[in-house]
């Protein structure tokens, strides 16, 4: 792993192996919140479980930019609505596989229902910007399942 910044594969591994990511949607000052994310076909996808009026998802509909925090690095992103049933089905499978623990499975199934599935969003990360900001430290990996 490079000390100048994370590679694309480092970032994808951190999202794939981590339990959640921290996200700040839009450009207005706001706290980071934790959300579940999956990697499919080398791309990062998220879904909204709650469609509250002031949610990160609703913010991205108006202003499709933000910042993801992975470990100690912040990576800007652009959000894009995911299209296509085959892709959404692959995202379903990724959520169900990653969040299969008994305490998670109910929420993972909810994220695969029509309402949440319609919120499938790709986060297009600007990995190059993190390289310009100093050394990268990967977040701790998710504990191994028993």
C-alpha atoms as a PDB file:
ATOM      1  CA  UNK A   1       0.000   0.000   0.000  1.00  0.00           C
ATOM      2  CA  UNK A   2       1.341   3.375  -0.981  1.00  0.00           C
ATOM      3  CA  UNK A   3       2.053   6.023   1.638  1.00  0.00           C
ATOM      4  CA  UNK A   4       1.083   8.746  -0.823  1.00  0.00           C
ATOM      5  CA  UNK A   5      -2.566   7.747  -0.778  1.00  0.00           C
ATOM      6  CA  UNK A   6      -4.959   4.883  -1.187  1.00  0.00           C
ATOM      7  CA  UNK A   7      -5.140   3.045  -4.449  1.00  0.00           C
ATOM      8  CA  UNK A   8      -8.522   2.295  -5.943  1.00  0.00           C
ATOM      9  CA  UNK A   9      -8.142  -1.335  -4.827  1.00  0.00           C
ATOM     10  CA  UNK A  10      -7.324  -0.190  -1.244  1.00  0.00           C
ATOM     11  CA  UNK A  11     -10.491   1.883  -1.153  1.00  0.00           C
ATOM     12  CA  UNK A  12     -12.673  -0.870  -2.589  1.00  0.00           C
ATOM     13  CA  UNK A  13     -11.228  -3.364  -0.093  1.00  0.00           C
ATOM     14  CA  UNK A  14     -11.926  -0.960   2.789  1.00  0.00           C
ATOM     15  CA  UNK A  15     -15.566  -0.598   1.712  1.00  0.00           C
ATOM     16  CA  UNK A  16     -15.965  -4.317   1.001  1.00  0.00           C
ATOM     17  CA  UNK A  17     -14.383  -5.449   4.276  1.00  0.00           C
ATOM     18  CA  UNK A  18     -15.613  -2.685   6.578  1.00  0.00           C
ATOM     19  CA  UNK A  19     -18.949  -2.886   8.374  1.00  0.00           C
ATOM     20  CA  UNK A  20     -19.997   0.582   7.259  1.00  0.00           C
ATOM     21  CA  UNK A  21     -18.735   3.822   5.771  1.00  0.00           C
ATOM     22  CA  UNK A  22     -19.063   7.354   7.063  1.00  0.00           C
ATOM     23  CA  UNK A  23     -20.746   9.753   4.658  1.00  0.00           C
ATOM     24  CA  UNK A  24     -21.480  13.456   4.535  1.00  0.00           C
ATOM     25  CA  UNK A  25     -23.914  14.260   1.724  1.00  0.00           C
ATOM     26  CA  UNK A  26     -23.908  17.618  -0.007  1.00  0.00           C
ATOM     27  CA  UNK A  27     -21.587  20.546   0.542  1.00  0.00           C
ATOM     28  CA  UNK A  28     -23.148  22.102   3.638  1.00  0.00           C
ATOM     29  CA  UNK A  29     -21.398  21.527   6.973  1.00  0.00           C
ATOM     30  CA  UNK A  30     -22.858  18.458   8.612  1.00  0.00           C
ATOM     31  CA  UNK A  31     -21.723  15.547  10.720  1.00  0.00           C
ATOM     32  CA  UNK A  32     -20.677  12.268   9.161  1.00  0.00           C
ATOM     33  CA  UNK A  33     -23.154   9.427   9.543  1.00  0.00           C
ATOM     34  CA  UNK A  34     -22.538   5.678   9.216  1.00  0.00           C
ATOM     35  CA  UNK A  35     -24.292   3.781   6.436  1.00  0.00           C
ATOM     36  CA  UNK A  36     -23.964   0.328   4.945  1.00  0.00           C
ATOM     37  CA  UNK A  37     -22.195   0.034   1.610  1.00  0.00           C
ATOM     38  CA  UNK A  38     -21.346  -2.808  -0.756  1.00  0.00           C
ATOM     39  CA  UNK A  39     -18.970  -3.293  -3.669  1.00  0.00           C
ATOM     40  CA  UNK A  40     -20.342  -4.775  -6.895  1.00  0.00           C
ATOM     41  CA  UNK A  41     -18.370  -5.023 -10.129  1.00  0.00           C
ATOM     42  CA  UNK A  42     -15.630  -2.839  -8.612  1.00  0.00           C
ATOM     43  CA  UNK A  43     -18.112  -0.053  -7.800  1.00  0.00           C
ATOM     44  CA  UNK A  44     -19.462   1.250  -4.465  1.00  0.00           C
ATOM     45  CA  UNK A  45     -23.225   1.185  -3.866  1.00  0.00           C
ATOM     46  CA  UNK A  46     -25.421   2.406  -1.020  1.00  0.00           C
ATOM     47  CA  UNK A  47     -29.139   2.299  -0.274  1.00  0.00           C
ATOM     48  CA  UNK A  48     -31.322   4.268   2.055  1.00  0.00           C
ATOM     49  CA  UNK A  49     -33.255   2.352   4.675  1.00  0.00           C
ATOM     50  CA  UNK A  50     -35.156   5.448   5.784  1.00  0.00           C
ATOM     51  CA  UNK A  51     -36.474   8.012   3.340  1.00  0.00           C
ATOM     52  CA  UNK A  52     -36.792  10.839   5.839  1.00  0.00           C
ATOM     53  CA  UNK A  53     -37.090  14.341   4.323  1.00  0.00           C
ATOM     54  CA  UNK A  54     -33.712  15.460   5.698  1.00  0.00           C
ATOM     55  CA  UNK A  55     -31.805  12.236   4.986  1.00  0.00           C
ATOM     56  CA  UNK A  56     -28.470  11.798   3.221  1.00  0.00           C
ATOM     57  CA  UNK A  57     -30.353  10.225   0.308  1.00  0.00           C
ATOM     58  CA  UNK A  58     -32.684  13.209  -0.157  1.00  0.00           C
ATOM     59  CA  UNK A  59     -29.696  15.537   0.059  1.00  0.00           C
ATOM     60  CA  UNK A  60     -27.957  13.612  -2.735  1.00  0.00           C
ATOM     61  CA  UNK A  61     -31.047  13.927  -4.940  1.00  0.00           C
ATOM     62  CA  UNK A  62     -30.674  17.722  -4.776  1.00  0.00           C
ATOM     63  CA  UNK A  63     -26.886  17.951  -4.602  1.00  0.00           C
ATOM     64  CA  UNK A  64     -25.210  14.717  -5.797  1.00  0.00           C
ATOM     65  CA  UNK A  65     -21.828  15.275  -4.168  1.00  0.00           C
ATOM     66  CA  UNK A  66     -20.335  14.601  -0.784  1.00  0.00           C
ATOM     67  CA  UNK A  67     -17.479  13.081   1.172  1.00  0.00           C
ATOM     68  CA  UNK A  68     -16.835   9.527   2.367  1.00  0.00           C
ATOM     69  CA  UNK A  69     -14.551   8.951   5.338  1.00  0.00           C
ATOM     70  CA  UNK A  70     -12.553   5.722   5.272  1.00  0.00           C
ATOM     71  CA  UNK A  71     -10.239   5.408   8.227  1.00  0.00           C
ATOM     72  CA  UNK A  72      -8.571   8.806   8.489  1.00  0.00           C
ATOM     73  CA  UNK A  73      -9.004   9.754   4.856  1.00  0.00           C
ATOM     74  CA  UNK A  74     -11.828  11.725   3.329  1.00  0.00           C
ATOM     75  CA  UNK A  75     -12.659  11.081  -0.307  1.00  0.00           C
ATOM     76  CA  UNK A  76     -14.994  13.313  -2.292  1.00  0.00           C
ATOM     77  CA  UNK A  77     -17.604  11.541  -4.369  1.00  0.00           C
ATOM     78  CA  UNK A  78     -20.242  12.114  -6.967  1.00  0.00           C
ATOM     79  CA  UNK A  79     -23.503  10.195  -6.599  1.00  0.00           C
ATOM     80  CA  UNK A  80     -25.273   8.546  -9.524  1.00  0.00           C
ATOM     81  CA  UNK A  81     -28.583   6.687  -9.514  1.00  0.00           C
ATOM     82  CA  UNK A  82     -28.077   3.014 -10.311  1.00  0.00           C
ATOM     83  CA  UNK A  83     -30.087   1.759 -13.260  1.00  0.00           C
ATOM     84  CA  UNK A  84     -30.926  -1.715 -14.499  1.00  0.00           C
ATOM     85  CA  UNK A  85     -32.522  -4.697 -12.838  1.00  0.00           C
ATOM     86  CA  UNK A  86     -29.467  -6.935 -13.235  1.00  0.00           C
ATOM     87  CA  UNK A  87     -27.265  -4.424 -11.391  1.00  0.00           C
ATOM     88  CA  UNK A  88     -29.837  -3.904  -8.628  1.00  0.00           C
ATOM     89  CA  UNK A  89     -30.163  -7.685  -8.231  1.00  0.00           C
ATOM     90  CA  UNK A  90     -26.368  -7.944  -7.874  1.00  0.00           C
ATOM     91  CA  UNK A  91     -26.506  -5.200  -5.214  1.00  0.00           C
ATOM     92  CA  UNK A  92     -29.295  -7.156  -3.442  1.00  0.00           C
ATOM     93  CA  UNK A  93     -27.063 -10.240  -3.347  1.00  0.00           C
ATOM     94  CA  UNK A  94     -24.114  -8.203  -2.059  1.00  0.00           C
ATOM     95  CA  UNK A  95     -26.177  -6.730   0.807  1.00  0.00           C
ATOM     96  CA  UNK A  96     -27.609 -10.115   1.786  1.00  0.00           C
ATOM     97  CA  UNK A  97     -24.160 -11.744   1.700  1.00  0.00           C
ATOM     98  CA  UNK A  98     -22.318  -8.978   3.571  1.00  0.00           C
ATOM     99  CA  UNK A  99     -24.964  -8.331   6.221  1.00  0.00           C
ATOM    100  CA  UNK A 100     -25.982 -11.910   6.997  1.00  0.00           C
ATOM    101  CA  UNK A 101     -25.502 -11.936  10.774  1.00  0.00           C
ATOM    102  CA  UNK A 102     -28.741 -12.499  12.699  1.00  0.00           C
ATOM    103  CA  UNK A 103     -28.767  -8.916  14.017  1.00  0.00           C
ATOM    104  CA  UNK A 104     -28.254  -7.528  10.471  1.00  0.00           C
ATOM    105  CA  UNK A 105     -30.243  -9.859   8.217  1.00  0.00           C
ATOM    106  CA  UNK A 106     -33.630  -8.207   8.831  1.00  0.00           C
ATOM    107  CA  UNK A 107     -32.281  -4.803   7.787  1.00  0.00           C
ATOM    108  CA  UNK A 108     -30.442  -6.285   4.809  1.00  0.00           C
ATOM    109  CA  UNK A 109     -33.696  -7.855   3.611  1.00  0.00           C
ATOM    110  CA  UNK A 110     -35.443  -4.488   4.061  1.00  0.00           C
ATOM    111  CA  UNK A 111     -32.741  -2.862   1.915  1.00  0.00           C
ATOM    112  CA  UNK A 112     -33.672  -5.319  -0.846  1.00  0.00           C
ATOM    113  CA  UNK A 113     -37.364  -4.420  -0.783  1.00  0.00           C
ATOM    114  CA  UNK A 114     -38.872  -2.203  -3.489  1.00  0.00           C
ATOM    115  CA  UNK A 115     -38.781   1.062  -1.495  1.00  0.00           C
ATOM    116  CA  UNK A 116     -35.099   0.887  -0.543  1.00  0.00           C
ATOM    117  CA  UNK A 117     -34.070  -0.812  -3.771  1.00  0.00           C
ATOM    118  CA  UNK A 118     -35.315   2.254  -5.648  1.00  0.00           C
ATOM    119  CA  UNK A 119     -32.721   4.338  -3.777  1.00  0.00           C
ATOM    120  CA  UNK A 120     -29.730   2.338  -5.068  1.00  0.00           C
ATOM    121  CA  UNK A 121     -26.969   4.893  -5.536  1.00  0.00           C
ATOM    122  CA  UNK A 122     -23.434   4.527  -6.820  1.00  0.00           C
ATOM    123  CA  UNK A 123     -20.778   6.580  -5.050  1.00  0.00           C
ATOM    124  CA  UNK A 124     -18.142   7.487  -7.624  1.00  0.00           C
ATOM    125  CA  UNK A 125     -15.138   8.139  -5.398  1.00  0.00           C
ATOM    126  CA  UNK A 126     -12.343  10.554  -6.286  1.00  0.00           C
ATOM    127  CA  UNK A 127      -9.488   8.364  -5.067  1.00  0.00           C
ATOM    128  CA  UNK A 128      -6.849  10.669  -6.559  1.00  0.00           C
ATOM    129  CA  UNK A 129      -7.777  13.546  -4.250  1.00  0.00           C
ATOM    130  CA  UNK A 130      -6.845  11.536  -1.145  1.00  0.00           C
ATOM    131  CA  UNK A 131      -3.373  10.883  -2.546  1.00  0.00           C
ATOM    132  CA  UNK A 132      -2.720  14.608  -2.543  1.00  0.00           C
ATOM    133  CA  UNK A 133      -3.598  14.970   1.137  1.00  0.00           C
ATOM    134  CA  UNK A 134      -1.064  12.754   2.882  1.00  0.00           C
ATOM    135  CA  UNK A 135      -0.570   9.153   4.033  1.00  0.00           C
ATOM    136  CA  UNK A 136      -3.441   6.681   3.979  1.00  0.00           C
ATOM    137  CA  UNK A 137      -4.384   4.456   6.868  1.00  0.00           C
ATOM    138  CA  UNK A 138      -6.910   1.761   6.095  1.00  0.00           C
ATOM    139  CA  UNK A 139      -9.858   1.426   8.471  1.00  0.00           C
ATOM    140  CA  UNK A 140      -9.957  -1.639  10.641  1.00  0.00           C
ATOM    141  CA  UNK A 141     -11.477  -4.617   8.877  1.00  0.00           C
ATOM    142  CA  UNK A 142     -14.706  -6.129  10.033  1.00  0.00           C
ATOM    143  CA  UNK A 143     -14.251  -8.960  12.531  1.00  0.00           C
ATOM    144  CA  UNK A 144     -14.346 -12.423  11.011  1.00  0.00           C
ATOM    145  CA  UNK A 145     -17.626 -14.271  11.227  1.00  0.00           C
ATOM    146  CA  UNK A 146     -17.698 -17.287  13.474  1.00  0.00           C
END
